[in-house]
């Protein structure tokens, strides 16, 4: 048996004999709720950033389509060069 296991068993026996828990153990039960709340806030923030990015990309895409230059007219056909017939 390792030294760490022996120390842990001794601590368990002392706590069982005393019948009390240290204050740090009693207050640690509130930590999972706070951690879960932080996780929800982080996910909501990430979703908001992604939504804002998608909306701005869509707006930019639609704006660039409407601002496109109108098609230009084709240049007029050039007159064919006439070649003088030899005399």
C-alpha atoms as a PDB file:
ATOM      1  CA  UNK A   1       0.000   0.000   0.000  1.00  0.00           C
ATOM      2  CA  UNK A   2       1.355   3.409  -0.861  1.00  0.00           C
ATOM      3  CA  UNK A   3       2.016   6.149   1.602  1.00  0.00           C
ATOM      4  CA  UNK A   4      -0.649   8.381   0.048  1.00  0.00           C
ATOM      5  CA  UNK A   5      -3.340   5.731   0.462  1.00  0.00           C
ATOM      6  CA  UNK A   6      -2.351   5.245   4.103  1.00  0.00           C
ATOM      7  CA  UNK A   7      -2.559   8.980   4.770  1.00  0.00           C
ATOM      8  CA  UNK A   8      -5.974   9.189   3.101  1.00  0.00           C
ATOM      9  CA  UNK A   9      -7.285   6.307   5.202  1.00  0.00           C
ATOM     10  CA  UNK A  10      -5.984   7.956   8.355  1.00  0.00           C
ATOM     11  CA  UNK A  11      -7.756  11.190   7.408  1.00  0.00           C
ATOM     12  CA  UNK A  12     -11.005   9.348   6.755  1.00  0.00           C
ATOM     13  CA  UNK A  13     -10.787   7.648  10.144  1.00  0.00           C
ATOM     14  CA  UNK A  14     -10.161  10.974  11.901  1.00  0.00           C
ATOM     15  CA  UNK A  15     -13.122  12.624  10.180  1.00  0.00           C
ATOM     16  CA  UNK A  16     -15.393   9.703  10.973  1.00  0.00           C
ATOM     17  CA  UNK A  17     -14.343   9.846  14.610  1.00  0.00           C
ATOM     18  CA  UNK A  18     -14.852  13.600  14.840  1.00  0.00           C
ATOM     19  CA  UNK A  19     -18.157  13.521  12.942  1.00  0.00           C
ATOM     20  CA  UNK A  20     -17.643  16.949  11.408  1.00  0.00           C
ATOM     21  CA  UNK A  21     -16.663  18.148   8.021  1.00  0.00           C
ATOM     22  CA  UNK A  22     -14.198  20.926   7.397  1.00  0.00           C
ATOM     23  CA  UNK A  23     -15.800  24.204   6.204  1.00  0.00           C
ATOM     24  CA  UNK A  24     -14.083  23.900   2.821  1.00  0.00           C
ATOM     25  CA  UNK A  25     -15.907  20.639   2.133  1.00  0.00           C
ATOM     26  CA  UNK A  26     -19.272  22.070   3.201  1.00  0.00           C
ATOM     27  CA  UNK A  27     -19.032  25.119   0.923  1.00  0.00           C
ATOM     28  CA  UNK A  28     -17.770  23.223  -2.089  1.00  0.00           C
ATOM     29  CA  UNK A  29     -21.317  22.028  -2.839  1.00  0.00           C
ATOM     30  CA  UNK A  30     -22.145  25.509  -4.175  1.00  0.00           C
ATOM     31  CA  UNK A  31     -19.344  25.433  -6.713  1.00  0.00           C
ATOM     32  CA  UNK A  32     -21.019  23.241  -9.379  1.00  0.00           C
ATOM     33  CA  UNK A  33     -23.967  25.647  -9.690  1.00  0.00           C
ATOM     34  CA  UNK A  34     -21.621  28.599 -10.158  1.00  0.00           C
ATOM     35  CA  UNK A  35     -19.584  26.658 -12.698  1.00  0.00           C
ATOM     36  CA  UNK A  36     -22.740  25.684 -14.565  1.00  0.00           C
ATOM     37  CA  UNK A  37     -23.873  29.310 -14.618  1.00  0.00           C
ATOM     38  CA  UNK A  38     -20.518  30.360 -16.050  1.00  0.00           C
ATOM     39  CA  UNK A  39     -20.847  27.680 -18.712  1.00  0.00           C
ATOM     40  CA  UNK A  40     -24.296  28.923 -19.720  1.00  0.00           C
ATOM     41  CA  UNK A  41     -23.041  32.507 -19.889  1.00  0.00           C
ATOM     42  CA  UNK A  42     -20.074  31.435 -22.005  1.00  0.00           C
ATOM     43  CA  UNK A  43     -22.298  29.489 -24.403  1.00  0.00           C
ATOM     44  CA  UNK A  44     -24.749  32.387 -24.700  1.00  0.00           C
ATOM     45  CA  UNK A  45     -21.881  34.790 -25.418  1.00  0.00           C
ATOM     46  CA  UNK A  46     -20.445  32.488 -28.067  1.00  0.00           C
ATOM     47  CA  UNK A  47     -23.855  32.093 -29.688  1.00  0.00           C
ATOM     48  CA  UNK A  48     -24.335  35.877 -29.697  1.00  0.00           C
ATOM     49  CA  UNK A  49     -20.957  36.456 -31.320  1.00  0.00           C
ATOM     50  CA  UNK A  50     -21.679  33.846 -33.992  1.00  0.00           C
ATOM     51  CA  UNK A  51     -25.131  35.278 -34.630  1.00  0.00           C
ATOM     52  CA  UNK A  52     -23.770  38.818 -34.936  1.00  0.00           C
ATOM     53  CA  UNK A  53     -21.028  37.614 -37.279  1.00  0.00           C
ATOM     54  CA  UNK A  54     -23.495  35.773 -39.470  1.00  0.00           C
ATOM     55  CA  UNK A  55     -25.859  38.739 -39.609  1.00  0.00           C
ATOM     56  CA  UNK A  56     -23.073  41.139 -40.523  1.00  0.00           C
ATOM     57  CA  UNK A  57     -21.781  38.770 -43.217  1.00  0.00           C
ATOM     58  CA  UNK A  58     -25.270  38.460 -44.685  1.00  0.00           C
ATOM     59  CA  UNK A  59     -25.764  42.239 -44.636  1.00  0.00           C
ATOM     60  CA  UNK A  60     -22.385  42.803 -46.295  1.00  0.00           C
ATOM     61  CA  UNK A  61     -23.165  40.204 -48.954  1.00  0.00           C
ATOM     62  CA  UNK A  62     -26.558  41.695 -49.772  1.00  0.00           C
ATOM     63  CA  UNK A  63     -25.162  45.234 -49.804  1.00  0.00           C
ATOM     64  CA  UNK A  64     -22.344  44.308 -52.174  1.00  0.00           C
ATOM     65  CA  UNK A  65     -24.808  42.721 -54.596  1.00  0.00           C
ATOM     66  CA  UNK A  66     -27.027  45.791 -54.768  1.00  0.00           C
ATOM     67  CA  UNK A  67     -24.066  48.139 -55.144  1.00  0.00           C
ATOM     68  CA  UNK A  68     -22.614  46.225 -58.078  1.00  0.00           C
ATOM     69  CA  UNK A  69     -21.898  48.311 -61.139  1.00  0.00           C
ATOM     70  CA  UNK A  70     -24.615  48.135 -63.766  1.00  0.00           C
ATOM     71  CA  UNK A  71     -23.733  46.292 -66.943  1.00  0.00           C
ATOM     72  CA  UNK A  72     -22.156  48.497 -69.561  1.00  0.00           C
ATOM     73  CA  UNK A  73     -23.409  48.748 -73.104  1.00  0.00           C
ATOM     74  CA  UNK A  74     -21.443  46.935 -75.763  1.00  0.00           C
ATOM     75  CA  UNK A  75     -19.193  49.195 -77.810  1.00  0.00           C
ATOM     76  CA  UNK A  76     -20.549  50.023 -81.243  1.00  0.00           C
ATOM     77  CA  UNK A  77     -19.296  47.771 -84.033  1.00  0.00           C
ATOM     78  CA  UNK A  78     -16.388  49.203 -85.970  1.00  0.00           C
ATOM     79  CA  UNK A  79     -16.697  49.709 -89.675  1.00  0.00           C
ATOM     80  CA  UNK A  80     -14.917  47.117 -91.732  1.00  0.00           C
ATOM     81  CA  UNK A  81     -11.821  48.466 -93.376  1.00  0.00           C
ATOM     82  CA  UNK A  82     -12.315  48.777 -97.093  1.00  0.00           C
ATOM     83  CA  UNK A  83      -9.496  47.713 -99.277  1.00  0.00           C
ATOM     84  CA  UNK A  84      -9.011  49.630-102.480  1.00  0.00           C
ATOM     85  CA  UNK A  85      -9.032  47.453-105.555  1.00  0.00           C
ATOM     86  CA  UNK A  86      -5.881  47.646-107.691  1.00  0.00           C
ATOM     87  CA  UNK A  87      -6.374  49.626-110.858  1.00  0.00           C
END
